[in-house]
Amino acid sequence: MGEVEKIEAQVESLAAPDLAKFRSWFLEFDARVWDRKIEADSASGKLDKLLSEARSEFSSGKAREL
């Protein structure tokens, strides 16, 4: 059994209160990982093309402010 399968089995065996606690922790963890990835992509210039396209569409009236 691989590591992921072991973790899955452990999560499946959690009691409801522990599962709720784990779920909350994991959502926060996942958000932090996502934020770091977006920050790294932004700093490396990977998002520059998308930003340029969005600004261009906004300037040409194809988009609007939220």
PDB file of N, CA and C in Angstrom:
ATOM      1  N   MET A   1       0.853  -1.169   0.000  1.00  0.00           N
ATOM      2  CA  MET A   1       0.000   0.000   0.000  1.00  0.00           C
ATOM      3  C   MET A   1       0.901   1.235   0.000  1.00  0.00           C
ATOM      4  N   GLY A   2       0.614   2.158  -0.895  1.00  0.00           N
ATOM      5  CA  GLY A   2       1.386   3.398  -0.990  1.00  0.00           C
ATOM      6  C   GLY A   2       1.026   4.381   0.115  1.00  0.00           C
ATOM      7  N   GLU A   3       1.805   5.435   0.201  1.00  0.00           N
ATOM      8  CA  GLU A   3       1.590   6.446   1.240  1.00  0.00           C
ATOM      9  C   GLU A   3       0.207   7.088   1.137  1.00  0.00           C
ATOM     10  N   VAL A   4      -0.219   7.416  -0.075  1.00  0.00           N
ATOM     11  CA  VAL A   4      -1.528   8.061  -0.241  1.00  0.00           C
ATOM     12  C   VAL A   4      -2.645   7.132   0.221  1.00  0.00           C
ATOM     13  N   GLU A   5      -2.537   5.879  -0.136  1.00  0.00           N
ATOM     14  CA  GLU A   5      -3.567   4.924   0.274  1.00  0.00           C
ATOM     15  C   GLU A   5      -3.597   4.779   1.790  1.00  0.00           C
ATOM     16  N   LYS A   6      -2.420   4.816   2.436  1.00  0.00           N
ATOM     17  CA  LYS A   6      -2.375   4.747   3.897  1.00  0.00           C
ATOM     18  C   LYS A   6      -3.073   5.958   4.514  1.00  0.00           C
ATOM     19  N   ILE A   7      -2.799   7.118   3.968  1.00  0.00           N
ATOM     20  CA  ILE A   7      -3.431   8.342   4.473  1.00  0.00           C
ATOM     21  C   ILE A   7      -4.939   8.290   4.256  1.00  0.00           C
ATOM     22  N   GLU A   8      -5.351   7.836   3.083  1.00  0.00           N
ATOM     23  CA  GLU A   8      -6.784   7.711   2.804  1.00  0.00           C
ATOM     24  C   GLU A   8      -7.457   6.804   3.825  1.00  0.00           C
ATOM     25  N   ALA A   9      -6.840   5.675   4.115  1.00  0.00           N
ATOM     26  CA  ALA A   9      -7.413   4.733   5.080  1.00  0.00           C
ATOM     27  C   ALA A   9      -7.501   5.368   6.461  1.00  0.00           C
ATOM     28  N   GLN A  10      -6.471   6.114   6.839  1.00  0.00           N
ATOM     29  CA  GLN A  10      -6.503   6.779   8.146  1.00  0.00           C
ATOM     30  C   GLN A  10      -7.615   7.828   8.204  1.00  0.00           C
ATOM     31  N   VAL A  11      -7.755   8.599   7.132  1.00  0.00           N
ATOM     32  CA  VAL A  11      -8.802   9.631   7.109  1.00  0.00           C
ATOM     33  C   VAL A  11     -10.177   8.971   7.177  1.00  0.00           C
ATOM     34  N   GLU A  12     -10.351   7.896   6.444  1.00  0.00           N
ATOM     35  CA  GLU A  12     -11.643   7.205   6.453  1.00  0.00           C
ATOM     36  C   GLU A  12     -11.992   6.643   7.833  1.00  0.00           C
ATOM     37  N   SER A  13     -10.982   6.379   8.642  1.00  0.00           N
ATOM     38  CA  SER A  13     -11.245   5.793   9.954  1.00  0.00           C
ATOM     39  C   SER A  13     -11.432   6.842  11.055  1.00  0.00           C
ATOM     40  N   LEU A  14     -11.299   8.115  10.723  1.00  0.00           N
ATOM     41  CA  LEU A  14     -11.439   9.163  11.735  1.00  0.00           C
ATOM     42  C   LEU A  14     -12.877   9.282  12.231  1.00  0.00           C
ATOM     43  N   ALA A  15     -13.001   9.541  13.522  1.00  0.00           N
ATOM     44  CA  ALA A  15     -14.319   9.832  14.106  1.00  0.00           C
ATOM     45  C   ALA A  15     -14.759  11.211  13.600  1.00  0.00           C
ATOM     46  N   ALA A  16     -16.043  11.454  13.612  1.00  0.00           N
ATOM     47  CA  ALA A  16     -16.608  12.697  13.054  1.00  0.00           C
ATOM     48  C   ALA A  16     -15.919  13.958  13.580  1.00  0.00           C
ATOM     49  N   PRO A  17     -15.690  14.100  14.890  1.00  0.00           N
ATOM     50  CA  PRO A  17     -15.029  15.333  15.366  1.00  0.00           C
ATOM     51  C   PRO A  17     -13.604  15.486  14.823  1.00  0.00           C
ATOM     52  N   ASP A  18     -12.884  14.367  14.771  1.00  0.00           N
ATOM     53  CA  ASP A  18     -11.525  14.425  14.234  1.00  0.00           C
ATOM     54  C   ASP A  18     -11.527  14.687  12.736  1.00  0.00           C
ATOM     55  N   LEU A  19     -12.501  14.144  12.027  1.00  0.00           N
ATOM     56  CA  LEU A  19     -12.606  14.396  10.594  1.00  0.00           C
ATOM     57  C   LEU A  19     -12.889  15.872  10.337  1.00  0.00           C
ATOM     58  N   ALA A  20     -13.746  16.468  11.137  1.00  0.00           N
ATOM     59  CA  ALA A  20     -14.050  17.897  10.996  1.00  0.00           C
ATOM     60  C   ALA A  20     -12.794  18.725  11.252  1.00  0.00           C
ATOM     61  N   LYS A  21     -12.042  18.363  12.273  1.00  0.00           N
ATOM     62  CA  LYS A  21     -10.803  19.076  12.590  1.00  0.00           C
ATOM     63  C   LYS A  21      -9.801  18.917  11.451  1.00  0.00           C
ATOM     64  N   PHE A  22      -9.660  17.691  10.927  1.00  0.00           N
ATOM     65  CA  PHE A  22      -8.754  17.449   9.812  1.00  0.00           C
ATOM     66  C   PHE A  22      -9.182  18.229   8.583  1.00  0.00           C
ATOM     67  N   ARG A  23     -10.475  18.230   8.282  1.00  0.00           N
ATOM     68  CA  ARG A  23     -10.991  18.937   7.116  1.00  0.00           C
ATOM     69  C   ARG A  23     -10.659  20.427   7.204  1.00  0.00           C
ATOM     70  N   SER A  24     -10.869  21.004   8.368  1.00  0.00           N
ATOM     71  CA  SER A  24     -10.566  22.416   8.578  1.00  0.00           C
ATOM     72  C   SER A  24      -9.075  22.681   8.382  1.00  0.00           C
ATOM     73  N   TRP A  25      -8.242  21.837   8.984  1.00  0.00           N
ATOM     74  CA  TRP A  25      -6.796  21.990   8.821  1.00  0.00           C
ATOM     75  C   TRP A  25      -6.404  21.879   7.352  1.00  0.00           C
ATOM     76  N   PHE A  26      -6.945  20.873   6.663  1.00  0.00           N
ATOM     77  CA  PHE A  26      -6.551  20.654   5.279  1.00  0.00           C
ATOM     78  C   PHE A  26      -6.972  21.814   4.373  1.00  0.00           C
ATOM     79  N   LEU A  27      -8.151  22.372   4.585  1.00  0.00           N
ATOM     80  CA  LEU A  27      -8.591  23.511   3.782  1.00  0.00           C
ATOM     81  C   LEU A  27      -7.640  24.693   3.952  1.00  0.00           C
ATOM     82  N   GLU A  28      -7.223  24.955   5.183  1.00  0.00           N
ATOM     83  CA  GLU A  28      -6.273  26.041   5.434  1.00  0.00           C
ATOM     84  C   GLU A  28      -4.910  25.729   4.819  1.00  0.00           C
ATOM     85  N   PHE A  29      -4.458  24.494   4.963  1.00  0.00           N
ATOM     86  CA  PHE A  29      -3.196  24.065   4.374  1.00  0.00           C
ATOM     87  C   PHE A  29      -3.222  24.217   2.855  1.00  0.00           C
ATOM     88  N   ASP A  30      -4.282  23.741   2.240  1.00  0.00           N
ATOM     89  CA  ASP A  30      -4.411  23.809   0.783  1.00  0.00           C
ATOM     90  C   ASP A  30      -4.427  25.258   0.301  1.00  0.00           C
ATOM     91  N   ALA A  31      -5.092  26.133   1.026  1.00  0.00           N
ATOM     92  CA  ALA A  31      -5.131  27.553   0.665  1.00  0.00           C
ATOM     93  C   ALA A  31      -3.729  28.166   0.741  1.00  0.00           C
ATOM     94  N   ARG A  32      -2.958  27.801   1.777  1.00  0.00           N
ATOM     95  CA  ARG A  32      -1.586  28.317   1.884  1.00  0.00           C
ATOM     96  C   ARG A  32      -0.722  27.838   0.731  1.00  0.00           C
ATOM     97  N   VAL A  33      -0.851  26.567   0.361  1.00  0.00           N
ATOM     98  CA  VAL A  33      -0.084  26.018  -0.767  1.00  0.00           C
ATOM     99  C   VAL A  33      -0.459  26.757  -2.045  1.00  0.00           C
ATOM    100  N   TRP A  34      -1.752  26.967  -2.263  1.00  0.00           N
ATOM    101  CA  TRP A  34      -2.236  27.679  -3.454  1.00  0.00           C
ATOM    102  C   TRP A  34      -1.693  29.102  -3.482  1.00  0.00           C
ATOM    103  N   ASP A  35      -1.761  29.794  -2.352  1.00  0.00           N
ATOM    104  CA  ASP A  35      -1.260  31.172  -2.289  1.00  0.00           C
ATOM    105  C   ASP A  35       0.223  31.236  -2.630  1.00  0.00           C
ATOM    106  N   ARG A  36       1.016  30.309  -2.089  1.00  0.00           N
ATOM    107  CA  ARG A  36       2.458  30.296  -2.395  1.00  0.00           C
ATOM    108  C   ARG A  36       2.696  30.039  -3.879  1.00  0.00           C
ATOM    109  N   LYS A  37       1.901  29.161  -4.489  1.00  0.00           N
ATOM    110  CA  LYS A  37       2.049  28.855  -5.918  1.00  0.00           C
ATOM    111  C   LYS A  37       1.713  30.092  -6.753  1.00  0.00           C
ATOM    112  N   ILE A  38       0.636  30.772  -6.436  1.00  0.00           N
ATOM    113  CA  ILE A  38       0.255  31.975  -7.174  1.00  0.00           C
ATOM    114  C   ILE A  38       1.323  33.057  -7.015  1.00  0.00           C
ATOM    115  N   GLU A  39       1.825  33.229  -5.795  1.00  0.00           N
ATOM    116  CA  GLU A  39       2.869  34.226  -5.558  1.00  0.00           C
ATOM    117  C   GLU A  39       4.127  33.894  -6.352  1.00  0.00           C
ATOM    118  N   ALA A  40       4.516  32.630  -6.384  1.00  0.00           N
ATOM    119  CA  ALA A  40       5.704  32.214  -7.140  1.00  0.00           C
ATOM    120  C   ALA A  40       5.487  32.416  -8.636  1.00  0.00           C
ATOM    121  N   ASP A  41       4.316  32.042  -9.133  1.00  0.00           N
ATOM    122  CA  ASP A  41       4.016  32.231 -10.554  1.00  0.00           C
ATOM    123  C   ASP A  41       4.010  33.706 -10.922  1.00  0.00           C
ATOM    124  N   SER A  42       3.476  34.528 -10.054  1.00  0.00           N
ATOM    125  CA  SER A  42       3.443  35.965 -10.306  1.00  0.00           C
ATOM    126  C   SER A  42       4.859  36.543 -10.317  1.00  0.00           C
ATOM    127  N   ALA A  43       5.661  36.161  -9.335  1.00  0.00           N
ATOM    128  CA  ALA A  43       7.033  36.681  -9.237  1.00  0.00           C
ATOM    129  C   ALA A  43       7.887  36.233 -10.414  1.00  0.00           C
ATOM    130  N   SER A  44       7.604  35.057 -10.967  1.00  0.00           N
ATOM    131  CA  SER A  44       8.398  34.537 -12.073  1.00  0.00           C
ATOM    132  C   SER A  44       7.937  35.056 -13.434  1.00  0.00           C
ATOM    133  N   GLY A  45       6.809  35.780 -13.442  1.00  0.00           N
ATOM    134  CA  GLY A  45       6.302  36.322 -14.698  1.00  0.00           C
ATOM    135  C   GLY A  45       5.333  35.414 -15.426  1.00  0.00           C
ATOM    136  N   LYS A  46       5.020  34.254 -14.856  1.00  0.00           N
ATOM    137  CA  LYS A  46       4.121  33.307 -15.532  1.00  0.00           C
ATOM    138  C   LYS A  46       2.716  33.860 -15.742  1.00  0.00           C
ATOM    139  N   LEU A  47       2.333  34.850 -14.938  1.00  0.00           N
ATOM    140  CA  LEU A  47       0.980  35.400 -15.055  1.00  0.00           C
ATOM    141  C   LEU A  47       0.933  36.690 -15.859  1.00  0.00           C
ATOM    142  N   ASP A  48       2.088  37.154 -16.314  1.00  0.00           N
ATOM    143  CA  ASP A  48       2.150  38.435 -17.030  1.00  0.00           C
ATOM    144  C   ASP A  48       1.270  38.458 -18.276  1.00  0.00           C
ATOM    145  N   LYS A  49       1.273  37.373 -19.048  1.00  0.00           N
ATOM    146  CA  LYS A  49       0.469  37.326 -20.274  1.00  0.00           C
ATOM    147  C   LYS A  49      -1.021  37.425 -19.942  1.00  0.00           C
ATOM    148  N   LEU A  50      -1.452  36.687 -18.931  1.00  0.00           N
ATOM    149  CA  LEU A  50      -2.864  36.736 -18.537  1.00  0.00           C
ATOM    150  C   LEU A  50      -3.253  38.120 -18.038  1.00  0.00           C
ATOM    151  N   LEU A  51      -2.377  38.734 -17.259  1.00  0.00           N
ATOM    152  CA  LEU A  51      -2.634  40.075 -16.753  1.00  0.00           C
ATOM    153  C   LEU A  51      -2.741  41.076 -17.904  1.00  0.00           C
ATOM    154  N   SER A  52      -1.848  40.949 -18.860  1.00  0.00           N
ATOM    155  CA  SER A  52      -1.871  41.837 -20.021  1.00  0.00           C
ATOM    156  C   SER A  52      -3.160  41.673 -20.818  1.00  0.00           C
ATOM    157  N   GLU A  53      -3.564  40.421 -21.023  1.00  0.00           N
ATOM    158  CA  GLU A  53      -4.810  40.159 -21.757  1.00  0.00           C
ATOM    159  C   GLU A  53      -6.019  40.731 -21.008  1.00  0.00           C
ATOM    160  N   ALA A  54      -6.044  40.555 -19.703  1.00  0.00           N
ATOM    161  CA  ALA A  54      -7.168  41.067 -18.908  1.00  0.00           C
ATOM    162  C   ALA A  54      -7.229  42.586 -18.982  1.00  0.00           C
ATOM    163  N   ARG A  55      -6.075  43.227 -18.867  1.00  0.00           N
ATOM    164  CA  ARG A  55      -6.055  44.692 -18.950  1.00  0.00           C
ATOM    165  C   ARG A  55      -6.496  45.166 -20.333  1.00  0.00           C
ATOM    166  N   SER A  56      -6.065  44.469 -21.364  1.00  0.00           N
ATOM    167  CA  SER A  56      -6.441  44.824 -22.727  1.00  0.00           C
ATOM    168  C   SER A  56      -7.948  44.685 -22.932  1.00  0.00           C
ATOM    169  N   GLU A  57      -8.518  43.588 -22.454  1.00  0.00           N
ATOM    170  CA  GLU A  57      -9.962  43.384 -22.588  1.00  0.00           C
ATOM    171  C   GLU A  57     -10.745  44.435 -21.804  1.00  0.00           C
ATOM    172  N   PHE A  58     -10.251  44.778 -20.640  1.00  0.00           N
ATOM    173  CA  PHE A  58     -10.922  45.792 -19.844  1.00  0.00           C
ATOM    174  C   PHE A  58     -10.873  47.141 -20.567  1.00  0.00           C
ATOM    175  N   SER A  59      -9.710  47.501 -21.105  1.00  0.00           N
ATOM    176  CA  SER A  59      -9.551  48.763 -21.806  1.00  0.00           C
ATOM    177  C   SER A  59     -10.414  48.847 -23.061  1.00  0.00           C
ATOM    178  N   SER A  60     -10.629  47.720 -23.711  1.00  0.00           N
ATOM    179  CA  SER A  60     -11.429  47.716 -24.944  1.00  0.00           C
ATOM    180  C   SER A  60     -12.912  47.547 -24.671  1.00  0.00           C
ATOM    181  N   GLY A  61     -13.300  47.495 -23.396  1.00  0.00           N
ATOM    182  CA  GLY A  61     -14.719  47.395 -23.052  1.00  0.00           C
ATOM    183  C   GLY A  61     -15.267  45.986 -23.044  1.00  0.00           C
ATOM    184  N   LYS A  62     -14.415  44.974 -23.172  1.00  0.00           N
ATOM    185  CA  LYS A  62     -14.882  43.585 -23.174  1.00  0.00           C
ATOM    186  C   LYS A  62     -15.055  43.024 -21.760  1.00  0.00           C
ATOM    187  N   ALA A  63     -14.641  43.811 -20.779  1.00  0.00           N
ATOM    188  CA  ALA A  63     -14.775  43.371 -19.384  1.00  0.00           C
ATOM    189  C   ALA A  63     -15.178  44.590 -18.560  1.00  0.00           C
ATOM    190  N   ARG A  64     -15.573  44.326 -17.338  1.00  0.00           N
ATOM    191  CA  ARG A  64     -15.949  45.421 -16.461  1.00  0.00           C
ATOM    192  C   ARG A  64     -15.447  45.142 -15.061  1.00  0.00           C
ATOM    193  N   GLU A  65     -15.368  46.194 -14.267  1.00  0.00           N
ATOM    194  CA  GLU A  65     -14.936  46.036 -12.886  1.00  0.00           C
ATOM    195  C   GLU A  65     -15.981  45.267 -12.120  1.00  0.00           C
ATOM    196  N   LEU A  66     -15.526  44.497 -11.160  1.00  0.00           N
ATOM    197  CA  LEU A  66     -16.455  43.758 -10.301  1.00  0.00           C
ATOM    198  C   LEU A  66     -16.880  44.621  -9.140  1.00  0.00           C
TER     199      LEU A  66
END
